[in-house]
C-alpha cells in the first residue's frame, strides 16, 4: 500500500495504520424519516425486504413448481439494483461513486 492508500473510503484510518494518529469522531446522525430516526427506518426496511424475499421464494419454488432457482435469484438481484439506483436518483439514498478500489482485495 502506498502513502495515499492509508485511508478508507469513509476517510477514516485503516486498521493496522499508525495507532498514534487521532481517530475521527463520527457526528451523531440526526436525520429522520416519517419522524423516526433513519437507523430505525433502514432496519425495518431491511427486515421487510428480507422477509418478503423469503416468502416469495417459498411461494415460487413450492406452489408454482418453479425449478429455476438461479433465474429467480438473478431476477431478485436485478430488481434490487434497479430499486437502489432509483432511490439514488430520487435522493432517498446516497451511493458511493463507483471505482475499482472498492472491489480490490
PDB file of N, CA and C in Angstrom:
ATOM      1  N   UNK A   1       0.842  -1.183   0.000  1.00  0.00           N
ATOM      2  CA  UNK A   1       0.000   0.000   0.000  1.00  0.00           C
ATOM      3  C   UNK A   1       0.876   1.231   0.000  1.00  0.00           C
ATOM      4  N   UNK A   2       0.489   2.199  -0.816  1.00  0.00           N
ATOM      5  CA  UNK A   2       1.245   3.429  -0.891  1.00  0.00           C
ATOM      6  C   UNK A   2       0.825   4.391   0.199  1.00  0.00           C
ATOM      7  N   UNK A   3       1.498   5.536   0.213  1.00  0.00           N
ATOM      8  CA  UNK A   3       1.205   6.541   1.232  1.00  0.00           C
ATOM      9  C   UNK A   3      -0.198   7.107   1.080  1.00  0.00           C
ATOM     10  N   UNK A   4      -0.708   7.124  -0.161  1.00  0.00           N
ATOM     11  CA  UNK A   4      -2.049   7.674  -0.367  1.00  0.00           C
ATOM     12  C   UNK A   4      -3.142   6.663  -0.064  1.00  0.00           C
ATOM     13  N   UNK A   5      -2.783   5.408   0.216  1.00  0.00           N
ATOM     14  CA  UNK A   5      -3.763   4.358   0.453  1.00  0.00           C
ATOM     15  C   UNK A   5      -3.994   4.081   1.933  1.00  0.00           C
ATOM     16  N   UNK A   6      -3.613   5.011   2.833  1.00  0.00           N
ATOM     17  CA  UNK A   6      -3.727   4.729   4.260  1.00  0.00           C
ATOM     18  C   UNK A   6      -5.065   5.172   4.850  1.00  0.00           C
ATOM     19  N   UNK A   7      -6.011   5.568   4.006  1.00  0.00           N
ATOM     20  CA  UNK A   7      -7.343   5.936   4.479  1.00  0.00           C
ATOM     21  C   UNK A   7      -8.365   5.149   3.683  1.00  0.00           C
ATOM     22  N   UNK A   8      -9.479   4.808   4.325  1.00  0.00           N
ATOM     23  CA  UNK A   8     -10.512   4.068   3.611  1.00  0.00           C
ATOM     24  C   UNK A   8     -11.466   5.036   2.926  1.00  0.00           C
ATOM     25  N   UNK A   9     -12.481   4.506   2.313  1.00  0.00           N
ATOM     26  CA  UNK A   9     -13.428   5.296   1.536  1.00  0.00           C
ATOM     27  C   UNK A   9     -14.100   6.362   2.389  1.00  0.00           C
ATOM     28  N   UNK A  10     -14.388   6.054   3.640  1.00  0.00           N
ATOM     29  CA  UNK A  10     -15.082   6.987   4.518  1.00  0.00           C
ATOM     30  C   UNK A  10     -14.130   7.964   5.197  1.00  0.00           C
ATOM     31  N   UNK A  11     -12.899   8.031   4.714  1.00  0.00           N
ATOM     32  CA  UNK A  11     -11.899   8.969   5.223  1.00  0.00           C
ATOM     33  C   UNK A  11     -11.409   8.658   6.628  1.00  0.00           C
ATOM     34  N   UNK A  12     -11.587   7.461   7.111  1.00  0.00           N
ATOM     35  CA  UNK A  12     -11.060   7.067   8.409  1.00  0.00           C
ATOM     36  C   UNK A  12      -9.790   6.275   8.222  1.00  0.00           C
ATOM     37  N   UNK A  13      -8.958   6.177   9.248  1.00  0.00           N
ATOM     38  CA  UNK A  13      -7.727   5.410   9.110  1.00  0.00           C
ATOM     39  C   UNK A  13      -8.031   3.920   8.971  1.00  0.00           C
ATOM     40  N   UNK A  14      -7.233   3.249   8.172  1.00  0.00           N
ATOM     41  CA  UNK A  14      -7.399   1.818   8.000  1.00  0.00           C
ATOM     42  C   UNK A  14      -6.881   1.083   9.226  1.00  0.00           C
ATOM     43  N   UNK A  15      -7.398  -0.123   9.450  1.00  0.00           N
ATOM     44  CA  UNK A  15      -6.874  -0.956  10.522  1.00  0.00           C
ATOM     45  C   UNK A  15      -5.425  -1.277  10.218  1.00  0.00           C
ATOM     46  N   UNK A  16      -4.598  -1.222  11.219  1.00  0.00           N
ATOM     47  CA  UNK A  16      -3.197  -1.514  11.019  1.00  0.00           C
ATOM     48  C   UNK A  16      -2.380  -0.282  10.674  1.00  0.00           C
ATOM     49  N   UNK A  17      -3.034   0.861  10.448  1.00  0.00           N
ATOM     50  CA  UNK A  17      -2.274   2.075  10.194  1.00  0.00           C
ATOM     51  C   UNK A  17      -1.752   2.602  11.529  1.00  0.00           C
ATOM     52  N   UNK A  18      -1.027   3.650  11.487  1.00  0.00           N
ATOM     53  CA  UNK A  18      -0.353   4.180  12.677  1.00  0.00           C
ATOM     54  C   UNK A  18      -1.348   4.422  13.804  1.00  0.00           C
ATOM     55  N   UNK A  19      -1.198   3.696  14.913  1.00  0.00           N
ATOM     56  CA  UNK A  19      -2.143   3.776  16.036  1.00  0.00           C
ATOM     57  C   UNK A  19      -2.038   5.097  16.782  1.00  0.00           C
ATOM     58  N   UNK A  20      -0.943   5.850  16.569  1.00  0.00           N
ATOM     59  CA  UNK A  20      -0.779   7.119  17.271  1.00  0.00           C
ATOM     60  C   UNK A  20      -1.622   8.234  16.672  1.00  0.00           C
ATOM     61  N   UNK A  21      -2.149   8.006  15.458  1.00  0.00           N
ATOM     62  CA  UNK A  21      -2.988   9.029  14.823  1.00  0.00           C
ATOM     63  C   UNK A  21      -4.293   9.172  15.588  1.00  0.00           C
ATOM     64  N   UNK A  22      -4.797  10.391  15.634  1.00  0.00           N
ATOM     65  CA  UNK A  22      -6.084  10.619  16.282  1.00  0.00           C
ATOM     66  C   UNK A  22      -7.186  10.034  15.414  1.00  0.00           C
ATOM     67  N   UNK A  23      -8.096   9.323  16.036  1.00  0.00           N
ATOM     68  CA  UNK A  23      -9.192   8.720  15.290  1.00  0.00           C
ATOM     69  C   UNK A  23     -10.320   9.737  15.151  1.00  0.00           C
ATOM     70  N   UNK A  24     -10.915   9.847  13.957  1.00  0.00           N
ATOM     71  CA  UNK A  24     -12.011  10.795  13.778  1.00  0.00           C
ATOM     72  C   UNK A  24     -13.242  10.338  14.557  1.00  0.00           C
ATOM     73  N   UNK A  25     -13.952  11.298  15.105  1.00  0.00           N
ATOM     74  CA  UNK A  25     -15.164  11.006  15.859  1.00  0.00           C
ATOM     75  C   UNK A  25     -16.354  11.265  14.945  1.00  0.00           C
ATOM     76  N   UNK A  26     -17.227  10.279  14.803  1.00  0.00           N
ATOM     77  CA  UNK A  26     -18.394  10.424  13.946  1.00  0.00           C
ATOM     78  C   UNK A  26     -19.438  11.306  14.631  1.00  0.00           C
ATOM     79  N   UNK A  27     -20.030  12.176  13.853  1.00  0.00           N
ATOM     80  CA  UNK A  27     -21.089  13.031  14.379  1.00  0.00           C
ATOM     81  C   UNK A  27     -22.366  12.214  14.505  1.00  0.00           C
ATOM     82  N   UNK A  28     -23.197  12.578  15.461  1.00  0.00           N
ATOM     83  CA  UNK A  28     -24.476  11.885  15.643  1.00  0.00           C
ATOM     84  C   UNK A  28     -25.370  12.149  14.432  1.00  0.00           C
ATOM     85  N   UNK A  29     -25.986  11.100  13.925  1.00  0.00           N
ATOM     86  CA  UNK A  29     -26.862  11.225  12.763  1.00  0.00           C
ATOM     87  C   UNK A  29     -28.245  11.630  13.248  1.00  0.00           C
ATOM     88  N   UNK A  30     -28.687  12.810  12.859  1.00  0.00           N
ATOM     89  CA  UNK A  30     -29.979  13.317  13.319  1.00  0.00           C
ATOM     90  C   UNK A  30     -31.040  13.274  12.229  1.00  0.00           C
ATOM     91  N   UNK A  31     -30.748  12.600  11.106  1.00  0.00           N
ATOM     92  CA  UNK A  31     -31.744  12.531  10.032  1.00  0.00           C
ATOM     93  C   UNK A  31     -32.954  11.721  10.485  1.00  0.00           C
ATOM     94  N   UNK A  32     -34.119  12.116   9.983  1.00  0.00           N
ATOM     95  CA  UNK A  32     -35.359  11.432  10.343  1.00  0.00           C
ATOM     96  C   UNK A  32     -36.183  11.167   9.088  1.00  0.00           C
ATOM     97  N   UNK A  33     -36.897  10.056   9.110  1.00  0.00           N
ATOM     98  CA  UNK A  33     -37.829   9.688   8.044  1.00  0.00           C
ATOM     99  C   UNK A  33     -39.147   9.383   8.716  1.00  0.00           C
ATOM    100  N   UNK A  34     -40.194  10.078   8.327  1.00  0.00           N
ATOM    101  CA  UNK A  34     -41.518   9.921   8.934  1.00  0.00           C
ATOM    102  C   UNK A  34     -41.453  10.099  10.453  1.00  0.00           C
ATOM    103  N   UNK A  35     -40.588  10.974  10.918  1.00  0.00           N
ATOM    104  CA  UNK A  35     -40.474  11.267  12.337  1.00  0.00           C
ATOM    105  C   UNK A  35     -39.628  10.289  13.124  1.00  0.00           C
ATOM    106  N   UNK A  36     -39.144   9.237  12.472  1.00  0.00           N
ATOM    107  CA  UNK A  36     -38.331   8.226  13.147  1.00  0.00           C
ATOM    108  C   UNK A  36     -36.868   8.379  12.735  1.00  0.00           C
ATOM    109  N   UNK A  37     -35.939   8.016  13.620  1.00  0.00           N
ATOM    110  CA  UNK A  37     -34.526   8.061  13.229  1.00  0.00           C
ATOM    111  C   UNK A  37     -34.269   7.175  12.010  1.00  0.00           C
ATOM    112  N   UNK A  38     -33.394   7.627  11.136  1.00  0.00           N
ATOM    113  CA  UNK A  38     -33.127   6.922   9.885  1.00  0.00           C
ATOM    114  C   UNK A  38     -32.619   5.503  10.133  1.00  0.00           C
ATOM    115  N   UNK A  39     -31.954   5.261  11.255  1.00  0.00           N
ATOM    116  CA  UNK A  39     -31.452   3.921  11.561  1.00  0.00           C
ATOM    117  C   UNK A  39     -32.601   2.940  11.796  1.00  0.00           C
ATOM    118  N   UNK A  40     -33.638   3.395  12.446  1.00  0.00           N
ATOM    119  CA  UNK A  40     -34.807   2.540  12.703  1.00  0.00           C
ATOM    120  C   UNK A  40     -35.524   2.224  11.396  1.00  0.00           C
ATOM    121  N   UNK A  41     -35.700   3.241  10.549  1.00  0.00           N
ATOM    122  CA  UNK A  41     -36.395   3.039   9.276  1.00  0.00           C
ATOM    123  C   UNK A  41     -35.601   2.109   8.370  1.00  0.00           C
ATOM    124  N   UNK A  42     -34.279   2.280   8.301  1.00  0.00           N
ATOM    125  CA  UNK A  42     -33.489   1.410   7.434  1.00  0.00           C
ATOM    126  C   UNK A  42     -33.482  -0.029   7.950  1.00  0.00           C
ATOM    127  N   UNK A  43     -33.442  -0.211   9.263  1.00  0.00           N
ATOM    128  CA  UNK A  43     -33.509  -1.557   9.828  1.00  0.00           C
ATOM    129  C   UNK A  43     -34.843  -2.221   9.546  1.00  0.00           C
ATOM    130  N   UNK A  44     -35.923  -1.471   9.692  1.00  0.00           N
ATOM    131  CA  UNK A  44     -37.253  -2.014   9.409  1.00  0.00           C
ATOM    132  C   UNK A  44     -37.401  -2.350   7.928  1.00  0.00           C
ATOM    133  N   UNK A  45     -36.868  -1.494   7.054  1.00  0.00           N
ATOM    134  CA  UNK A  45     -36.940  -1.753   5.615  1.00  0.00           C
ATOM    135  C   UNK A  45     -36.165  -3.017   5.257  1.00  0.00           C
ATOM    136  N   UNK A  46     -35.022  -3.220   5.896  1.00  0.00           N
ATOM    137  CA  UNK A  46     -34.237  -4.431   5.654  1.00  0.00           C
ATOM    138  C   UNK A  46     -35.013  -5.673   6.090  1.00  0.00           C
ATOM    139  N   UNK A  47     -35.657  -5.606   7.250  1.00  0.00           N
ATOM    140  CA  UNK A  47     -36.431  -6.745   7.749  1.00  0.00           C
ATOM    141  C   UNK A  47     -37.594  -7.069   6.815  1.00  0.00           C
ATOM    142  N   UNK A  48     -38.308  -6.040   6.360  1.00  0.00           N
ATOM    143  CA  UNK A  48     -39.443  -6.247   5.452  1.00  0.00           C
ATOM    144  C   UNK A  48     -38.961  -6.845   4.133  1.00  0.00           C
ATOM    145  N   UNK A  49     -37.867  -6.302   3.582  1.00  0.00           N
ATOM    146  CA  UNK A  49     -37.351  -6.813   2.309  1.00  0.00           C
ATOM    147  C   UNK A  49     -36.888  -8.259   2.448  1.00  0.00           C
ATOM    148  N   UNK A  50     -36.200  -8.561   3.524  1.00  0.00           N
ATOM    149  CA  UNK A  50     -35.699  -9.916   3.739  1.00  0.00           C
ATOM    150  C   UNK A  50     -36.847 -10.917   3.893  1.00  0.00           C
ATOM    151  N   UNK A  51     -37.816 -10.571   4.713  1.00  0.00           N
ATOM    152  CA  UNK A  51     -38.952 -11.477   4.937  1.00  0.00           C
ATOM    153  C   UNK A  51     -39.765 -11.659   3.655  1.00  0.00           C
ATOM    154  N   UNK A  52     -39.968 -10.592   2.895  1.00  0.00           N
ATOM    155  CA  UNK A  52     -40.755 -10.719   1.667  1.00  0.00           C
ATOM    156  C   UNK A  52     -40.022 -11.572   0.635  1.00  0.00           C
ATOM    157  N   UNK A  53     -38.698 -11.477   0.575  1.00  0.00           N
ATOM    158  CA  UNK A  53     -37.955 -12.321  -0.366  1.00  0.00           C
ATOM    159  C   UNK A  53     -38.029 -13.791   0.034  1.00  0.00           C
ATOM    160  N   UNK A  54     -37.970 -14.075   1.318  1.00  0.00           N
ATOM    161  CA  UNK A  54     -38.086 -15.466   1.785  1.00  0.00           C
ATOM    162  C   UNK A  54     -39.462 -16.025   1.435  1.00  0.00           C
ATOM    163  N   UNK A  55     -40.504 -15.232   1.686  1.00  0.00           N
ATOM    164  CA  UNK A  55     -41.861 -15.694   1.385  1.00  0.00           C
ATOM    165  C   UNK A  55     -42.087 -15.842  -0.117  1.00  0.00           C
ATOM    166  N   UNK A  56     -41.553 -14.917  -0.909  1.00  0.00           N
ATOM    167  CA  UNK A  56     -41.682 -15.021  -2.360  1.00  0.00           C
ATOM    168  C   UNK A  56     -40.961 -16.269  -2.877  1.00  0.00           C
ATOM    169  N   UNK A  57     -39.762 -16.507  -2.371  1.00  0.00           N
ATOM    170  CA  UNK A  57     -39.019 -17.704  -2.790  1.00  0.00           C
ATOM    171  C   UNK A  57     -39.774 -18.976  -2.428  1.00  0.00           C
ATOM    172  N   UNK A  58     -40.327 -19.017  -1.222  1.00  0.00           N
ATOM    173  CA  UNK A  58     -41.083 -20.191  -0.777  1.00  0.00           C
ATOM    174  C   UNK A  58     -42.292 -20.421  -1.681  1.00  0.00           C
ATOM    175  N   UNK A  59     -43.026 -19.352  -1.968  1.00  0.00           N
ATOM    176  CA  UNK A  59     -44.217 -19.477  -2.812  1.00  0.00           C
ATOM    177  C   UNK A  59     -43.844 -19.881  -4.236  1.00  0.00           C
ATOM    178  N   UNK A  60     -42.809 -19.255  -4.791  1.00  0.00           N
ATOM    179  CA  UNK A  60     -42.436 -19.543  -6.178  1.00  0.00           C
ATOM    180  C   UNK A  60     -41.877 -20.947  -6.335  1.00  0.00           C
ATOM    181  N   UNK A  61     -41.093 -21.392  -5.378  1.00  0.00           N
ATOM    182  CA  UNK A  61     -40.446 -22.695  -5.528  1.00  0.00           C
ATOM    183  C   UNK A  61     -41.336 -23.866  -5.159  1.00  0.00           C
ATOM    184  N   UNK A  62     -42.361 -23.646  -4.345  1.00  0.00           N
ATOM    185  CA  UNK A  62     -43.211 -24.771  -3.960  1.00  0.00           C
ATOM    186  C   UNK A  62     -44.581 -24.724  -4.626  1.00  0.00           C
ATOM    187  N   UNK A  63     -45.264 -23.622  -4.572  1.00  0.00           N
ATOM    188  CA  UNK A  63     -46.629 -23.540  -5.089  1.00  0.00           C
ATOM    189  C   UNK A  63     -46.699 -23.617  -6.603  1.00  0.00           C
ATOM    190  N   UNK A  64     -45.771 -22.951  -7.279  1.00  0.00           N
ATOM    191  CA  UNK A  64     -45.843 -22.870  -8.734  1.00  0.00           C
ATOM    192  C   UNK A  64     -44.938 -23.881  -9.424  1.00  0.00           C
ATOM    193  N   UNK A  65     -44.335 -24.773  -8.659  1.00  0.00           N
ATOM    194  CA  UNK A  65     -43.432 -25.781  -9.210  1.00  0.00           C
ATOM    195  C   UNK A  65     -42.359 -25.125 -10.075  1.00  0.00           C
ATOM    196  N   UNK A  66     -41.773 -24.068  -9.546  1.00  0.00           N
ATOM    197  CA  UNK A  66     -40.736 -23.302 -10.233  1.00  0.00           C
ATOM    198  C   UNK A  66     -39.390 -23.955  -9.948  1.00  0.00           C
ATOM    199  N   UNK A  67     -38.710 -24.432 -10.978  1.00  0.00           N
ATOM    200  CA  UNK A  67     -37.489 -25.206 -10.787  1.00  0.00           C
ATOM    201  C   UNK A  67     -36.202 -24.425 -11.029  1.00  0.00           C
ATOM    202  N   UNK A  68     -36.291 -23.230 -11.534  1.00  0.00           N
ATOM    203  CA  UNK A  68     -35.095 -22.471 -11.886  1.00  0.00           C
ATOM    204  C   UNK A  68     -34.746 -21.473 -10.786  1.00  0.00           C
ATOM    205  N   UNK A  69     -34.073 -21.955  -9.745  1.00  0.00           N
ATOM    206  CA  UNK A  69     -33.734 -21.088  -8.613  1.00  0.00           C
ATOM    207  C   UNK A  69     -32.725 -20.012  -9.009  1.00  0.00           C
ATOM    208  N   UNK A  70     -31.820 -20.322  -9.922  1.00  0.00           N
ATOM    209  CA  UNK A  70     -30.831 -19.337 -10.356  1.00  0.00           C
ATOM    210  C   UNK A  70     -31.502 -18.161 -11.050  1.00  0.00           C
ATOM    211  N   UNK A  71     -32.483 -18.440 -11.886  1.00  0.00           N
ATOM    212  CA  UNK A  71     -33.212 -17.360 -12.565  1.00  0.00           C
ATOM    213  C   UNK A  71     -33.970 -16.498 -11.567  1.00  0.00           C
ATOM    214  N   UNK A  72     -34.560 -17.120 -10.572  1.00  0.00           N
ATOM    215  CA  UNK A  72     -35.293 -16.378  -9.549  1.00  0.00           C
ATOM    216  C   UNK A  72     -34.361 -15.452  -8.772  1.00  0.00           C
ATOM    217  N   UNK A  73     -33.199 -15.953  -8.361  1.00  0.00           N
ATOM    218  CA  UNK A  73     -32.240 -15.139  -7.622  1.00  0.00           C
ATOM    219  C   UNK A  73     -31.668 -14.024  -8.492  1.00  0.00           C
ATOM    220  N   UNK A  74     -31.414 -14.309  -9.775  1.00  0.00           N
ATOM    221  CA  UNK A  74     -30.938 -13.262 -10.683  1.00  0.00           C
ATOM    222  C   UNK A  74     -31.976 -12.150 -10.812  1.00  0.00           C
ATOM    223  N   UNK A  75     -33.242 -12.521 -10.977  1.00  0.00           N
ATOM    224  CA  UNK A  75     -34.312 -11.535 -11.094  1.00  0.00           C
ATOM    225  C   UNK A  75     -34.405 -10.697  -9.826  1.00  0.00           C
ATOM    226  N   UNK A  76     -34.305 -11.315  -8.664  1.00  0.00           N
ATOM    227  CA  UNK A  76     -34.369 -10.578  -7.406  1.00  0.00           C
ATOM    228  C   UNK A  76     -33.205  -9.604  -7.270  1.00  0.00           C
ATOM    229  N   UNK A  77     -32.006 -10.031  -7.646  1.00  0.00           N
ATOM    230  CA  UNK A  77     -30.844  -9.136  -7.594  1.00  0.00           C
ATOM    231  C   UNK A  77     -31.007  -7.971  -8.573  1.00  0.00           C
ATOM    232  N   UNK A  78     -31.506  -8.244  -9.753  1.00  0.00           N
ATOM    233  CA  UNK A  78     -31.724  -7.200 -10.748  1.00  0.00           C
ATOM    234  C   UNK A  78     -32.735  -6.169 -10.245  1.00  0.00           C
ATOM    235  N   UNK A  79     -33.832  -6.639  -9.662  1.00  0.00           N
ATOM    236  CA  UNK A  79     -34.838  -5.726  -9.112  1.00  0.00           C
ATOM    237  C   UNK A  79     -34.247  -4.886  -7.980  1.00  0.00           C
ATOM    238  N   UNK A  80     -33.432  -5.494  -7.131  1.00  0.00           N
ATOM    239  CA  UNK A  80     -32.797  -4.750  -6.032  1.00  0.00           C
ATOM    240  C   UNK A  80     -31.878  -3.661  -6.557  1.00  0.00           C
ATOM    241  N   UNK A  81     -31.079  -3.979  -7.568  1.00  0.00           N
ATOM    242  CA  UNK A  81     -30.173  -2.984  -8.145  1.00  0.00           C
ATOM    243  C   UNK A  81     -30.975  -1.831  -8.742  1.00  0.00           C
ATOM    244  N   UNK A  82     -32.046  -2.136  -9.446  1.00  0.00           N
ATOM    245  CA  UNK A  82     -32.875  -1.094 -10.050  1.00  0.00           C
ATOM    246  C   UNK A  82     -33.520  -0.232  -8.973  1.00  0.00           C
ATOM    247  N   UNK A  83     -34.039  -0.842  -7.917  1.00  0.00           N
ATOM    248  CA  UNK A  83     -34.676  -0.073  -6.844  1.00  0.00           C
ATOM    249  C   UNK A  83     -33.684   0.828  -6.107  1.00  0.00           C
ATOM    250  N   UNK A  84     -32.487   0.329  -5.846  1.00  0.00           N
ATOM    251  CA  UNK A  84     -31.479   1.145  -5.167  1.00  0.00           C
ATOM    252  C   UNK A  84     -31.044   2.300  -6.056  1.00  0.00           C
ATOM    253  N   UNK A  85     -30.871   2.051  -7.344  1.00  0.00           N
ATOM    254  CA  UNK A  85     -30.499   3.129  -8.269  1.00  0.00           C
ATOM    255  C   UNK A  85     -31.607   4.170  -8.363  1.00  0.00           C
ATOM    256  N   UNK A  86     -32.865   3.744  -8.370  1.00  0.00           N
ATOM    257  CA  UNK A  86     -33.987   4.691  -8.386  1.00  0.00           C
ATOM    258  C   UNK A  86     -34.021   5.514  -7.099  1.00  0.00           C
ATOM    259  N   UNK A  87     -33.756   4.869  -5.969  1.00  0.00           N
ATOM    260  CA  UNK A  87     -33.713   5.598  -4.704  1.00  0.00           C
ATOM    261  C   UNK A  87     -32.607   6.638  -4.723  1.00  0.00           C
ATOM    262  N   UNK A  88     -31.492   6.324  -5.363  1.00  0.00           N
ATOM    263  CA  UNK A  88     -30.405   7.294  -5.505  1.00  0.00           C
ATOM    264  C   UNK A  88     -30.830   8.454  -6.398  1.00  0.00           C
ATOM    265  N   UNK A  89     -31.499   8.159  -7.496  1.00  0.00           N
ATOM    266  CA  UNK A  89     -31.952   9.217  -8.405  1.00  0.00           C
ATOM    267  C   UNK A  89     -32.969  10.149  -7.742  1.00  0.00           C
ATOM    268  N   UNK A  90     -33.819   9.605  -6.859  1.00  0.00           N
ATOM    269  CA  UNK A  90     -34.809  10.418  -6.153  1.00  0.00           C
ATOM    270  C   UNK A  90     -34.246  11.083  -4.898  1.00  0.00           C
ATOM    271  N   UNK A  91     -32.979  10.828  -4.590  1.00  0.00           N
ATOM    272  CA  UNK A  91     -32.339  11.460  -3.445  1.00  0.00           C
ATOM    273  C   UNK A  91     -32.657  10.817  -2.106  1.00  0.00           C
ATOM    274  N   UNK A  92     -33.189   9.603  -2.112  1.00  0.00           N
ATOM    275  CA  UNK A  92     -33.513   8.918  -0.865  1.00  0.00           C
ATOM    276  C   UNK A  92     -32.284   8.302  -0.216  1.00  0.00           C
ATOM    277  N   UNK A  93     -31.317   7.910  -1.031  1.00  0.00           N
ATOM    278  CA  UNK A  93     -30.061   7.351  -0.537  1.00  0.00           C
ATOM    279  C   UNK A  93     -28.921   8.007  -1.309  1.00  0.00           C
ATOM    280  N   UNK A  94     -27.723   7.885  -0.772  1.00  0.00           N
ATOM    281  CA  UNK A  94     -26.538   8.384  -1.456  1.00  0.00           C
ATOM    282  C   UNK A  94     -25.626   7.203  -1.731  1.00  0.00           C
ATOM    283  N   UNK A  95     -25.341   6.980  -2.987  1.00  0.00           N
ATOM    284  CA  UNK A  95     -24.457   5.887  -3.366  1.00  0.00           C
ATOM    285  C   UNK A  95     -23.036   6.399  -3.506  1.00  0.00           C
ATOM    286  N   UNK A  96     -22.103   5.563  -3.118  1.00  0.00           N
ATOM    287  CA  UNK A  96     -20.694   5.897  -3.267  1.00  0.00           C
ATOM    288  C   UNK A  96     -20.323   5.796  -4.740  1.00  0.00           C
ATOM    289  N   UNK A  97     -19.529   6.735  -5.255  1.00  0.00           N
ATOM    290  CA  UNK A  97     -19.129   6.641  -6.671  1.00  0.00           C
ATOM    291  C   UNK A  97     -18.377   5.339  -6.933  1.00  0.00           C
ATOM    292  N   UNK A  98     -18.611   4.764  -8.090  1.00  0.00           N
ATOM    293  CA  UNK A  98     -18.004   3.502  -8.461  1.00  0.00           C
ATOM    294  C   UNK A  98     -16.534   3.703  -8.804  1.00  0.00           C
ATOM    295  N   UNK A  99     -15.671   2.866  -8.247  1.00  0.00           N
ATOM    296  CA  UNK A  99     -14.273   2.833  -8.661  1.00  0.00           C
ATOM    297  C   UNK A  99     -13.711   1.446  -8.364  1.00  0.00           C
ATOM    298  N   UNK A 100     -12.605   1.126  -8.993  1.00  0.00           N
ATOM    299  CA  UNK A 100     -12.020  -0.199  -8.846  1.00  0.00           C
ATOM    300  C   UNK A 100     -11.458  -0.446  -7.458  1.00  0.00           C
ATOM    301  N   UNK A 101     -11.168   0.605  -6.691  1.00  0.00           N
ATOM    302  CA  UNK A 101     -10.606   0.443  -5.357  1.00  0.00           C
ATOM    303  C   UNK A 101     -11.611  -0.220  -4.414  1.00  0.00           C
ATOM    304  N   UNK A 102     -12.904  -0.082  -4.687  1.00  0.00           N
ATOM    305  CA  UNK A 102     -13.941  -0.672  -3.846  1.00  0.00           C
ATOM    306  C   UNK A 102     -13.874  -2.198  -3.907  1.00  0.00           C
ATOM    307  N   UNK A 103     -13.638  -2.752  -5.078  1.00  0.00           N
ATOM    308  CA  UNK A 103     -13.715  -4.199  -5.239  1.00  0.00           C
ATOM    309  C   UNK A 103     -12.371  -4.900  -5.136  1.00  0.00           C
ATOM    310  N   UNK A 104     -11.275  -4.138  -5.036  1.00  0.00           N
ATOM    311  CA  UNK A 104      -9.964  -4.772  -4.923  1.00  0.00           C
ATOM    312  C   UNK A 104      -9.785  -5.404  -3.552  1.00  0.00           C
ATOM    313  N   UNK A 105      -9.085  -6.517  -3.559  1.00  0.00           N
ATOM    314  CA  UNK A 105      -8.803  -7.214  -2.309  1.00  0.00           C
ATOM    315  C   UNK A 105      -7.391  -6.937  -1.880  1.00  0.00           C
TER     316      UNK A 105
END
